[in-house]
Protein backbone atom coordinates (compact mmCIF):
# COMPACT_ATOMS: atom_id res chain seq x y z
CA MET A 1 181.74 -71.00 165.21
CA LYS A 2 184.12 -73.80 163.95
CA TYR A 3 184.73 -76.98 165.81
CA ASN A 4 188.03 -78.68 166.19
CA LEU A 5 188.64 -81.62 163.89
CA VAL A 6 189.50 -85.07 165.44
CA THR A 7 189.73 -88.47 163.92
CA ILE A 8 186.69 -90.71 164.37
CA GLY A 9 188.99 -93.52 165.59
CA SER A 10 190.16 -91.64 168.61
CA HIS A 11 186.65 -91.29 169.91
CA VAL A 12 185.30 -94.86 169.28
CA LYS A 13 185.84 -98.30 170.97
CA LYS A 14 187.26 -101.53 169.70
CA ILE A 15 184.57 -103.99 168.64
CA HIS A 16 184.58 -107.54 169.91
CA SER A 17 184.65 -110.31 167.18
CA TRP A 18 183.53 -113.88 167.47
CA ASN A 19 183.21 -117.01 165.53
CA PRO A 20 179.70 -118.52 165.77
CA LYS A 21 180.77 -121.78 164.18
CA LYS A 22 183.19 -122.38 166.96
CA GLU A 23 181.56 -120.68 170.07
CA PHE A 24 177.85 -121.47 169.58
CA PRO A 25 177.46 -123.88 166.57
CA LEU A 26 173.89 -125.06 167.56
CA ASP A 27 172.46 -121.71 168.49
CA LEU A 28 170.62 -119.21 166.30
CA PHE A 29 171.61 -115.71 166.11
CA ASP A 30 170.47 -112.47 164.16
CA TYR A 31 172.79 -111.72 161.28
CA ILE A 32 172.89 -108.17 159.75
CA ASP A 33 174.42 -108.58 156.33
CA LEU A 34 175.06 -105.93 153.58
CA GLY A 35 171.54 -106.23 152.36
CA SER A 36 169.91 -105.50 155.68
CA ILE A 37 170.16 -101.71 155.63
CA ASP A 38 167.52 -99.47 154.03
CA LYS A 39 169.77 -96.90 152.42
CA ASP A 40 166.95 -94.39 152.22
CA LEU A 41 165.68 -94.54 155.72
CA LYS A 42 169.21 -95.18 157.12
CA LYS A 43 167.96 -98.05 159.36
CA ILE A 44 168.04 -101.79 159.59
CA ASN A 45 165.17 -103.47 157.74
CA LYS A 46 163.98 -106.11 160.25
CA ASP A 47 162.69 -108.23 157.35
CA GLN A 48 166.22 -108.49 155.99
CA VAL A 49 167.96 -109.55 159.25
CA LEU A 50 168.66 -113.31 158.99
CA LYS A 51 168.19 -115.97 161.54
CA VAL A 52 171.33 -118.09 161.21
CA LEU A 53 172.52 -121.24 162.88
CA GLY A 54 176.05 -121.06 164.22
CA ASN A 55 177.19 -123.96 162.17
CA ASN A 56 175.90 -122.11 159.07
CA ALA A 57 177.35 -118.70 159.88
CA PRO A 58 178.83 -116.95 156.84
CA SER A 59 182.58 -116.16 157.16
CA ARG A 60 181.68 -112.42 157.34
CA ALA A 61 179.52 -112.89 160.44
CA ARG A 62 181.99 -111.86 163.02
CA GLN A 63 181.12 -108.43 164.66
CA GLN A 64 178.90 -108.49 167.81
CA VAL A 65 176.95 -105.20 167.95
CA ILE A 66 174.91 -103.48 170.72
CA ILE A 67 172.42 -100.69 171.18
CA ASN A 68 173.64 -97.22 169.84
CA ASP A 69 176.28 -98.73 167.55
CA ILE A 70 176.55 -97.07 164.11
CA LEU A 71 177.06 -99.31 161.07
CA VAL A 72 178.86 -97.85 157.98
CA SER A 73 178.97 -99.93 154.87
CA THR A 74 182.49 -100.08 153.59
CA VAL A 75 181.47 -101.07 149.98
CA ARG A 76 179.91 -98.58 147.45
CA PRO A 77 180.41 -95.54 149.77
CA ASN A 78 178.39 -93.37 147.36
CA LEU A 79 175.22 -95.21 148.41
CA ASN A 80 175.84 -94.21 152.11
CA GLY A 81 174.71 -97.40 153.62
CA VAL A 82 174.50 -96.33 157.29
CA ALA A 83 172.25 -97.31 160.23
CA PHE A 84 171.79 -96.58 163.85
CA LEU A 85 171.18 -99.67 166.07
CA ASP A 86 168.21 -99.41 168.42
CA GLN A 87 167.09 -101.96 171.02
CA ASP A 88 165.48 -104.20 168.44
CA PHE A 89 168.98 -105.41 167.29
CA LEU A 90 170.42 -106.21 170.88
CA SER A 91 173.02 -108.92 170.59
CA SER A 92 172.97 -109.16 166.77
CA THR A 93 175.98 -109.92 164.61
CA ALA A 94 177.15 -107.64 161.74
CA SER A 95 178.99 -108.49 158.57
CA THR A 96 182.56 -107.49 158.47
CA GLY A 97 181.46 -105.44 155.34
CA TYR A 98 180.41 -102.87 157.98
CA CYS A 99 182.65 -100.71 160.00
CA VAL A 100 180.94 -100.63 163.42
CA LEU A 101 181.43 -97.40 165.28
CA ARG A 102 180.87 -97.52 169.08
CA CYS A 103 181.36 -94.13 170.84
CA LYS A 104 183.35 -93.35 173.76
CA PRO A 105 181.89 -90.98 176.30
CA SER A 106 183.43 -87.93 174.48
CA LEU A 107 181.31 -88.54 171.31
CA PHE A 108 177.58 -88.64 171.29
CA SER A 109 176.38 -91.70 169.15
CA LYS A 110 173.52 -89.74 167.39
CA TYR A 111 175.87 -86.85 166.56
CA LEU A 112 178.22 -89.32 164.84
CA PHE A 113 175.36 -91.05 163.09
CA TYR A 114 174.26 -87.74 161.52
CA TRP A 115 177.92 -86.88 160.63
CA VAL A 116 178.41 -90.08 158.58
CA GLN A 117 175.41 -88.98 156.56
CA SER A 118 176.82 -85.58 155.78
CA LYS A 119 178.02 -84.67 152.28
CA THR A 120 181.54 -83.98 153.56
CA PHE A 121 181.92 -87.40 154.92
CA VAL A 122 180.34 -89.10 151.92
CA LYS A 123 182.52 -87.15 149.41
CA ASP A 124 185.61 -88.09 151.48
CA MET A 125 184.77 -91.83 151.40
CA ILE A 126 184.11 -91.73 147.61
CA ARG A 127 187.47 -90.04 146.99
CA LYS A 128 189.28 -92.54 149.20
CA ALA A 129 187.58 -95.69 147.84
CA THR A 130 189.52 -98.17 145.71
CA GLY A 131 188.30 -100.64 143.13
CA ALA A 132 186.60 -99.69 139.91
CA ASN A 133 183.82 -102.30 139.73
CA TYR A 134 183.35 -102.70 143.53
CA PRO A 135 184.54 -99.46 145.15
CA ALA A 136 185.28 -99.84 148.83
CA VAL A 137 186.94 -98.30 151.83
CA SER A 138 188.48 -99.84 154.85
CA ASP A 139 187.69 -99.58 158.51
CA LYS A 140 190.96 -97.61 158.90
CA ILE A 141 190.01 -95.08 156.30
CA ILE A 142 186.71 -94.55 158.06
CA LYS A 143 188.32 -94.29 161.47
CA ASP A 144 191.14 -92.00 160.29
CA SER A 145 188.70 -89.64 158.65
CA LYS A 146 188.03 -86.46 160.80
CA ILE A 147 184.88 -84.99 162.46
CA PRO A 148 184.11 -81.68 163.88
CA LEU A 149 183.91 -82.13 167.61
CA PRO A 150 182.05 -79.50 169.82
CA PRO A 151 181.53 -79.96 173.42
CA LEU A 152 179.33 -83.04 174.50
CA HIS A 153 176.32 -80.91 175.49
CA THR A 154 176.43 -79.11 172.07
CA GLN A 155 176.60 -82.48 170.20
CA LYS A 156 173.45 -83.64 172.03
CA LYS A 157 171.55 -80.46 171.25
CA ILE A 158 172.61 -80.62 167.54
CA ALA A 159 171.53 -84.41 167.48
CA GLU A 160 168.20 -83.32 169.07
CA ILE A 161 167.57 -80.66 166.37
CA LEU A 162 168.47 -83.20 163.55
CA ASP A 163 166.29 -85.85 165.20
CA THR A 164 163.25 -83.49 164.84
CA ALA A 165 163.90 -82.76 161.25
CA ASP A 166 164.65 -86.40 160.49
CA SER A 167 161.37 -87.47 162.04
CA LEU A 168 159.53 -85.10 159.63
CA ARG A 169 160.95 -86.65 156.56
CA ARG A 170 160.46 -90.25 157.89
CA LYS A 171 156.78 -89.47 158.36
CA ASP A 172 156.48 -88.17 154.76
CA LYS A 173 158.27 -91.33 153.47
CA ALA A 174 155.99 -93.55 155.51
CA LEU A 175 152.93 -91.81 154.07
CA ILE A 176 154.24 -92.39 150.61
CA ASP A 177 154.96 -96.10 151.42
CA LYS A 178 151.27 -96.35 152.66
CA TYR A 179 150.02 -94.97 149.33
CA ASN A 180 152.17 -97.62 147.37
CA GLN A 181 150.75 -100.31 149.63
CA LEU A 182 147.24 -99.04 148.95
CA THR A 183 147.54 -99.43 145.24
CA GLN A 184 148.81 -102.95 145.66
CA SER A 185 145.87 -103.73 148.04
CA LEU A 186 143.43 -102.18 145.55
CA PHE A 187 144.92 -104.44 142.83
CA LEU A 188 144.35 -107.48 144.89
CA GLU A 189 140.89 -106.34 145.97
CA MET A 190 139.67 -105.73 142.38
CA PHE A 191 141.41 -108.56 140.60
CA GLY A 192 141.99 -111.12 143.19
CA ASP A 193 145.18 -113.26 143.75
CA PRO A 194 146.94 -113.36 140.38
CA VAL A 195 148.30 -116.83 141.04
CA LYS A 196 144.96 -118.37 141.86
CA ASN A 197 143.06 -116.25 139.26
CA PRO A 198 139.76 -116.77 141.10
CA LYS A 199 137.53 -115.31 138.40
CA ASN A 200 139.05 -117.47 135.76
CA TRP A 201 139.96 -114.63 133.43
CA ASN A 202 141.64 -115.42 130.21
CA ILE A 203 145.38 -116.07 130.51
CA THR A 204 147.51 -115.17 127.54
CA SER A 205 151.17 -114.39 126.61
CA VAL A 206 152.51 -110.85 126.64
CA ILE A 207 153.07 -110.98 122.95
CA ASN A 208 149.29 -111.24 122.39
CA ILE A 209 148.54 -108.05 124.19
CA LEU A 210 151.00 -105.71 122.50
CA LYS A 211 150.42 -102.77 120.39
CA GLU A 212 153.79 -103.19 118.69
CA LYS A 213 156.78 -105.52 119.15
CA VAL A 214 158.89 -105.15 122.34
CA LYS A 215 162.06 -103.30 121.67
CA ALA A 216 165.43 -103.18 123.45
CA GLY A 217 167.00 -99.64 123.85
CA LEU A 218 169.85 -97.86 122.27
CA TYR A 219 173.51 -98.12 123.05
CA VAL A 220 175.21 -94.79 123.08
CA ALA A 221 179.07 -94.49 123.03
CA PRO A 222 180.52 -92.50 125.97
CA GLN A 223 181.74 -89.63 123.74
CA ASN A 224 178.08 -88.95 122.81
CA TYR A 225 176.92 -88.11 126.28
CA THR A 226 176.64 -84.35 126.93
CA ASN A 227 175.87 -82.00 129.83
CA GLU A 228 174.09 -79.34 127.64
CA ASN A 229 172.19 -80.11 124.47
CA GLY A 230 170.87 -83.62 123.54
CA PHE A 231 167.99 -85.77 124.75
CA GLU A 232 167.32 -87.19 128.17
CA MET A 233 167.86 -90.84 128.34
CA VAL A 234 166.51 -93.38 130.70
CA HIS A 235 169.10 -95.82 132.17
CA MET A 236 168.84 -98.79 134.29
CA SER A 237 169.47 -96.85 137.54
CA ASP A 238 166.52 -94.48 136.56
CA ALA A 239 164.10 -97.32 136.05
CA PHE A 240 163.88 -98.84 139.52
CA TYR A 241 161.09 -96.32 140.45
CA ASP A 242 157.40 -96.68 139.81
CA ILE A 243 157.62 -93.66 137.35
CA VAL A 244 160.75 -92.34 135.68
CA LYS A 245 161.90 -89.03 137.25
CA LEU A 246 162.26 -86.54 134.46
CA GLY A 247 164.60 -83.43 134.56
CA LYS A 248 167.80 -85.00 135.95
CA LEU A 249 168.44 -87.89 133.49
CA LYS A 250 171.80 -88.09 131.54
CA ARG A 251 171.65 -86.45 128.06
CA VAL A 252 172.84 -87.89 124.83
CA LYS A 253 173.44 -86.79 121.32
CA ILE A 254 171.76 -89.11 118.78
CA SER A 255 170.56 -89.08 115.17
CA GLU A 256 166.94 -88.23 114.16
CA SER A 257 166.54 -91.82 112.93
CA ASP A 258 167.62 -93.21 116.38
CA LEU A 259 165.25 -90.60 118.13
CA GLU A 260 162.34 -91.99 116.09
CA LYS A 261 163.24 -95.62 116.90
CA TYR A 262 163.79 -95.24 120.60
CA ALA A 263 161.48 -92.50 121.60
CA LEU A 264 159.32 -93.03 124.65
CA SER A 265 155.72 -92.03 124.95
CA GLU A 266 153.40 -91.43 127.98
CA ASN A 267 152.19 -94.87 129.37
CA ASP A 268 154.97 -96.83 127.89
CA ILE A 269 156.41 -99.43 130.23
CA LEU A 270 160.14 -100.08 130.49
CA ILE A 271 161.31 -103.51 131.72
CA ALA A 272 164.72 -104.01 133.21
CA ARG A 273 166.63 -106.49 131.20
CA ARG A 274 169.41 -107.10 133.80
CA SER A 275 169.83 -106.93 137.52
CA LEU A 276 172.46 -107.86 140.07
CA THR A 277 169.78 -109.82 141.80
CA TYR A 278 167.40 -112.49 140.41
CA GLU A 279 164.40 -110.75 141.90
CA GLY A 280 165.35 -107.44 140.43
CA ALA A 281 165.32 -108.47 136.77
CA ALA A 282 162.15 -107.76 134.81
CA LYS A 283 161.13 -104.97 137.10
CA PRO A 284 158.72 -102.51 135.35
CA CYS A 285 158.57 -98.66 135.47
CA ARG A 286 156.13 -96.20 133.87
CA ILE A 287 156.77 -93.14 131.66
CA PRO A 288 154.96 -89.95 132.78
CA LYS A 289 153.69 -87.13 130.61
CA ILE A 290 156.49 -85.94 128.28
CA ILE A 291 157.00 -82.41 127.09
CA PHE A 292 160.46 -83.07 125.43
CA PRO A 293 161.77 -86.08 123.65
CA LEU A 294 162.89 -88.93 125.75
CA VAL A 295 164.83 -92.13 124.80
CA TYR A 296 165.97 -95.27 126.67
CA GLU A 297 169.30 -97.31 126.69
CA SER A 298 170.03 -100.92 125.89
CA SER A 299 169.64 -102.41 129.36
CA LEU A 300 165.90 -101.64 129.10
CA ILE A 301 163.01 -103.01 127.00
CA ARG A 302 160.10 -100.95 125.80
CA VAL A 303 156.61 -102.27 126.04
CA LYS A 304 153.60 -100.70 124.27
CA VAL A 305 150.38 -102.58 125.18
CA ASN A 306 147.15 -102.63 123.13
CA ALA A 307 144.80 -100.57 125.31
CA ASP A 308 141.68 -102.24 123.75
CA ILE A 309 142.95 -105.37 125.50
CA MET A 310 144.96 -104.17 128.58
CA LEU A 311 145.67 -100.73 130.11
CA PRO A 312 149.36 -99.94 130.81
CA ILE A 313 148.55 -99.38 134.45
CA PHE A 314 147.21 -102.79 134.83
CA PHE A 315 150.10 -104.38 133.05
CA TYR A 316 152.51 -102.35 135.34
CA TYR A 317 150.86 -103.55 138.62
CA PHE A 318 150.63 -107.12 137.37
CA PHE A 319 154.40 -106.94 136.78
CA SER A 320 155.04 -105.31 140.16
CA ASN A 321 152.90 -107.69 142.16
CA GLU A 322 155.17 -110.09 144.14
CA ARG A 323 153.00 -113.23 143.70
CA ALA A 324 152.65 -112.61 140.02
CA ARG A 325 156.32 -112.12 139.71
CA LYS A 326 157.08 -115.37 141.34
CA SER A 327 154.55 -117.45 139.54
CA TYR A 328 154.51 -115.87 136.03
CA ILE A 329 157.54 -113.63 135.58
CA LEU A 330 160.72 -114.80 137.21
CA LYS A 331 160.55 -118.16 135.59
CA HIS A 332 161.53 -116.45 132.43
CA VAL A 333 164.57 -114.75 134.07
CA THR A 334 168.00 -116.37 133.66
CA LYS A 335 169.85 -116.98 136.87
CA SER A 336 173.57 -115.89 136.76
CA THR A 337 176.04 -113.46 138.06
CA ILE A 338 173.91 -110.77 136.45
CA SER A 339 170.39 -112.09 136.06
CA GLY A 340 168.36 -111.04 133.09
CA ILE A 341 165.36 -111.47 130.65
CA ASN A 342 165.46 -111.12 126.90
CA GLN A 343 162.72 -110.05 124.49
CA ALA A 344 161.64 -113.69 123.74
CA GLY A 345 161.29 -114.40 127.46
CA LEU A 346 159.35 -111.24 128.06
CA ASN A 347 156.95 -112.21 125.13
CA ALA A 348 156.33 -115.63 126.60
CA ILE A 349 155.30 -114.36 130.16
CA LYS A 350 151.66 -115.39 130.89
CA ILE A 351 149.29 -112.55 132.08
CA PHE A 352 145.60 -112.64 132.79
CA THR A 353 143.24 -110.18 131.06
CA PRO A 354 140.34 -108.82 133.20
CA PRO A 355 137.46 -107.00 131.45
CA ILE A 356 138.52 -103.62 130.17
CA ASP A 357 135.79 -101.76 132.00
CA LEU A 358 137.16 -103.20 135.40
CA GLN A 359 140.62 -101.98 134.34
CA ASN A 360 139.33 -98.59 133.74
CA LYS A 361 137.84 -98.45 137.12
CA PHE A 362 141.14 -99.52 138.60
CA ALA A 363 142.98 -96.77 136.63
CA THR A 364 140.57 -94.06 137.93
CA LEU A 365 141.11 -95.10 141.56
CA VAL A 366 144.87 -95.39 141.08
CA GLU A 367 144.94 -91.81 139.56
CA GLN A 368 143.16 -90.59 142.68
CA ILE A 369 145.72 -92.28 144.97
CA GLU A 370 148.56 -90.86 142.95
CA THR A 371 147.23 -87.36 143.18
CA GLN A 372 147.51 -87.68 146.99
CA LYS A 373 150.90 -89.35 146.66
CA LYS A 374 152.26 -86.44 144.69
CA LEU A 375 151.18 -84.02 147.49
CA ALA A 376 153.12 -86.26 149.91
CA GLU A 377 156.16 -86.32 147.66
CA GLN A 378 156.11 -82.56 147.51
CA ASN A 379 156.06 -82.53 151.23
CA LEU A 380 159.00 -85.06 151.36
CA GLN A 381 160.93 -82.65 149.13
CA LYS A 382 160.50 -79.89 151.60
CA SER A 383 161.25 -82.08 154.69
CA GLU A 384 164.40 -83.47 152.86
CA ALA A 385 165.60 -79.92 151.99
CA LEU A 386 165.03 -78.85 155.56
CA PHE A 387 166.96 -81.87 156.98
CA ASN A 388 169.81 -81.33 154.53
CA SER A 389 170.11 -77.71 155.24
CA LEU A 390 170.22 -78.31 158.98
CA LEU A 391 172.76 -81.14 158.55
CA GLN A 392 175.00 -78.83 156.61
CA LYS A 393 174.80 -76.10 159.21
CA ALA A 394 175.19 -78.39 162.13
CA PHE A 395 178.84 -79.37 161.39
CA LYS A 396 179.82 -75.77 160.42
CA GLY A 397 178.86 -74.52 163.96
CA GLU A 398 176.03 -72.55 162.47
CA LEU A 399 173.22 -74.18 164.66
CA VAL A 400 172.38 -72.47 167.97
CA ALA A 401 173.64 -74.45 170.78
CA ASP A 402 170.35 -74.37 172.59
CA LYS A 403 167.33 -75.73 170.73
CA PRO A 404 165.96 -72.71 168.66
CA GLU A 405 162.42 -71.69 168.97
CA HIS A 406 162.05 -71.61 165.17
CA ILE A 407 162.67 -75.40 164.56
CA PRO A 408 159.48 -76.18 162.71
CA THR A 409 156.68 -78.55 163.57
CA LYS A 410 155.23 -80.86 160.88
CA GLU A 411 152.58 -78.29 160.04
CA THR A 412 154.89 -75.21 159.75
CA SER A 413 157.66 -77.03 157.73
CA LEU A 414 155.16 -77.80 154.87
CA MET A 415 154.23 -74.13 154.52
CA ASP A 416 157.71 -72.81 154.12
């Protein structure tokens, strides 16, 4: 069954704007800026909502939002920065970098929330975005875009089905986050606070624990990228995970000599040379087991540590620890429009060196945790696939109007 297409703008209300500097200069208010959305979870990150005094309000702090509003980021639409506002954000103020969608009675808010996550909507926004370096759409483009509109009771039932599927993937993501937190807690438990260094372990420079010199990656001209043959290459965007995800990386054609110089091995560490934020520079990532040759590009630095002194897993978690980053690492990052670290700065970073037998115990425990984490990641892939399948069917009119009996529970979905 196909639903009639209508413009979003014809079924949403106008949003009231205000000027905190003029209206309440001495009052604090909650400000949701463009960095406040968790783009994976499609929700507002409470820790990233700012308490701002009216007198200090940014010029973009203008849109008063309420419960059930939907925020759609107008910048970088490919990232799909959207969020649904619950009661935690009552009377907040959103940046004008968001298009705020507040539904009329004819449009159910959760139905619209899932529509703006659909591939159809995202592709439409990407196609209509302007600006090469900072692609963006306008509120008008979003509101002029069309949405399939079934009867209201059908919208609610579709949203209920998608809520169920969405809750499954959120639980899987939350479990993965807990495993990540567990490894960081384990690091602190076994080695103590890296800033205080309570056990007075030797502190040395990175250059003194290397197996070979750190090396920046290879620049490859655009014409040497390929969709078929060639070698997978790790880019900056691939390196902001704990472990590089193989199999879907861009491929390049390079010479045998370049392959030899820039090949990666299991347990190598890659360090991000540049970042749009100061805190993002010098972030580490690990290389998993490799079957086929893998290389890395010029925005990354390869680190090979001497395993007799330090295990790669310890090096990675030291560089990932927020307190260690603030005290030892970020002081070597240059602050600019694009922050960064060079090879000399990386070599100069101080790092403490616990006994190797303790590092080995840490590595064994981390391996056990990561085994369980992989199972959770496999479950997440299944719950993501389920959600995306239902999302696609929902707006084609292929979901049964009444909630079907076969909508899976947490247990059954993981067995499909």
